[in-house]
Amino acid sequence: MGEGLSLRDVALSFGTPLYVYSKRSIVDHCRHIERAFEGHDHVTYYAVKANSNRNILKIIAQEGLGADVASKGELHLALSAGFPPQKITFSGVGKRDDEIAYALASDIAAFNVESVEELEVINSIAGNAGRMARILLRVNLDIDPGGHAYVTTSLKHTKFGIDSRHALDVLKWAQGQQHFEVRGIHSHIGSQITKVDTFMTAARALGDLVKTLRSSGIQIDDLDFGGGFGVQYRGYVRHEKIPVEQPEEVNLSASTLVRNVLPLLKETGCRISIQPGRSIVAHAGVLLVRVLYRKETEGKVFVVVDGGMNDLIRPSLYQSHHQIVPLVVNGAATEIVDVVGPLCESGDFFALNRCLPRVQRGDYLGVMCTGAYGFVLSSNYNARLRPAEVLIDDATVTVIRERETVEDL
């Protein structure tokens, strides 16, 4: 975590399951990304969906970043956390009428529009309200980013965006409407992308599209390159007494990816924007759990912990890898185990066939790099209580979300 506190002491003080975040890590990641732009005109819109805790949003807003929201609720949280409306964009394929009206009344920077019918609805609502809607058209580039199908968002069979081949006709129509200000185009090809070449392919395609649109009379001032910048999950913690995980993402960071692709994006002459979420908060968080039981069957060892897929669904939903480490490293022999939760589901696991030091009842484990898409995807399945969230700032630990009680159910 980098804050110099014992996570075991934090677990003992606040109970488990428990999400713990490092303020220093969040701030550092914001600043690394901003420095990658080297002074080029840009806006970094933090993807609120990654972690929407109000206290974390306040930290990011204070660093001068913008926010990308995907609902009325996220817009409310962003505004209340201090993000200025002129630094907020609204994404998503299913914006409700009341959400569009709320965003217009808030005078946000732009809507990232996903379909022709959505354009028509926004135009109508803006007209009735006597407002101008600033828009960017989300284009689907039909690029395979690799990775899990559920986080692939720019293949032609996905629900996102408009086929880039139709962008000219759609934007010509939009440019002729009374209540639109066409600002540019937007793209987002997927999530947890680790290959520079994938981003380079997208940047070249967008550069070509910008040239085509401008040559046909469409004014393109803004180019939103989206997010999806991958982070290192494997081998994040290194220790001589912890089994080595072969890192697939060595020296991977959003700032490195941005620096590689920025020269191509600069050639468009546009103001560049990106939408990092995971790459700002993932490494800042750890989910602490306590071992309830060891269960050994023929040829299998289960480590049963007090957190489950209701607390962190990524391993079950995406088969995602999170490094798991004991909070006290004592040199115990390693073994192959499944780390599983208490829910009545076979899919309730954090790790399968994982090499870990031997642990026993009462030991604490840290599920690493869970600052993104952790608590925000939690649920009350099996009527289990959502965990507390705490923020570490140097030597201070602050509860930023109270643990639920049975009365909250």
Foldseek 3Di string as FASTA:
>chain_A
DPQPDQVVVVCVVAPPQEKEFELVLLLVLLVLQVVLLVPAFAAEAAECLFPVQLVSLLSNVVSVHAHEYAALVSVVSNVVSPHQQQRYEYEDADYDLVRLLVNQVSVHNAYAYWDLVSLVSSLVSCVVVVAAHEYAFEEQDQAALDAFPVFFARRPPHRGTHHLVCVQVSQVVSVPRPRYDYAYHEYDGGAQRQDLVSLQVVLVVRLVSLVVNVVVPRDYAEYEDEERQHDWAAQPDDDPLWDHTDIPRPPGAPSVSCNSNVVSNVVSVHHYYYHHHLRSFQQRIKGKWFFAFWDDDVVAIEGETADWCLQFVCCLPRVDAWDKAWSDRDNAAKDFHWYAYDDPDPSIGRDHRDIGHDDGGGTMMIRGRQRTRGRSNHDCVVPNKHHWYWYDHNPDIGTSGHTDDSVVD
